[in-house]
């Protein structure tokens, strides 16, 4: 069983990556879709109770925000895999400008998330960690190394 946790600022490619890599194999847990923490909690519990593979497609910028998912998944014997989406603030703001309607968020939201972004670490409980970059509309995925400067 796999629990995948995405981490990265808005407009760094997380949802696009999910659709490209995990749409046919993992349930998507996303605040963009579920709208409230209560619904998210219920959906997460359902995935855990039914041993479903899932992806948490949220920004998850801090250790504290990631800890909830990691603990619940580990308690159910899931393998926890993290994907950190590296992006400069300027590139994310440019991609955000291209979004339409509800998909576009206020620039202050992107900046705020960027300011509180903390790099993940294996000590948080991840079994595997990956570093993802969007380069010319293609995702480049590499195994995590502590000496990578992601942004």
Foldseek 3Di string as FASTA:
>chain_A
DEEEEEAAFAQLCQVVCCVVPPPVAAAEQECVPQVDVVSSVVVLVVCLVVVTHHYDRDNQQDLVSVLVVLVSCVVSVHQYEYEYRFDDLVNSVVSLVVDDDPSRDDSVRRVVSVVRGDDDDCVSPHPFYWYWHQDPNDIDIDTDDPPDPRD
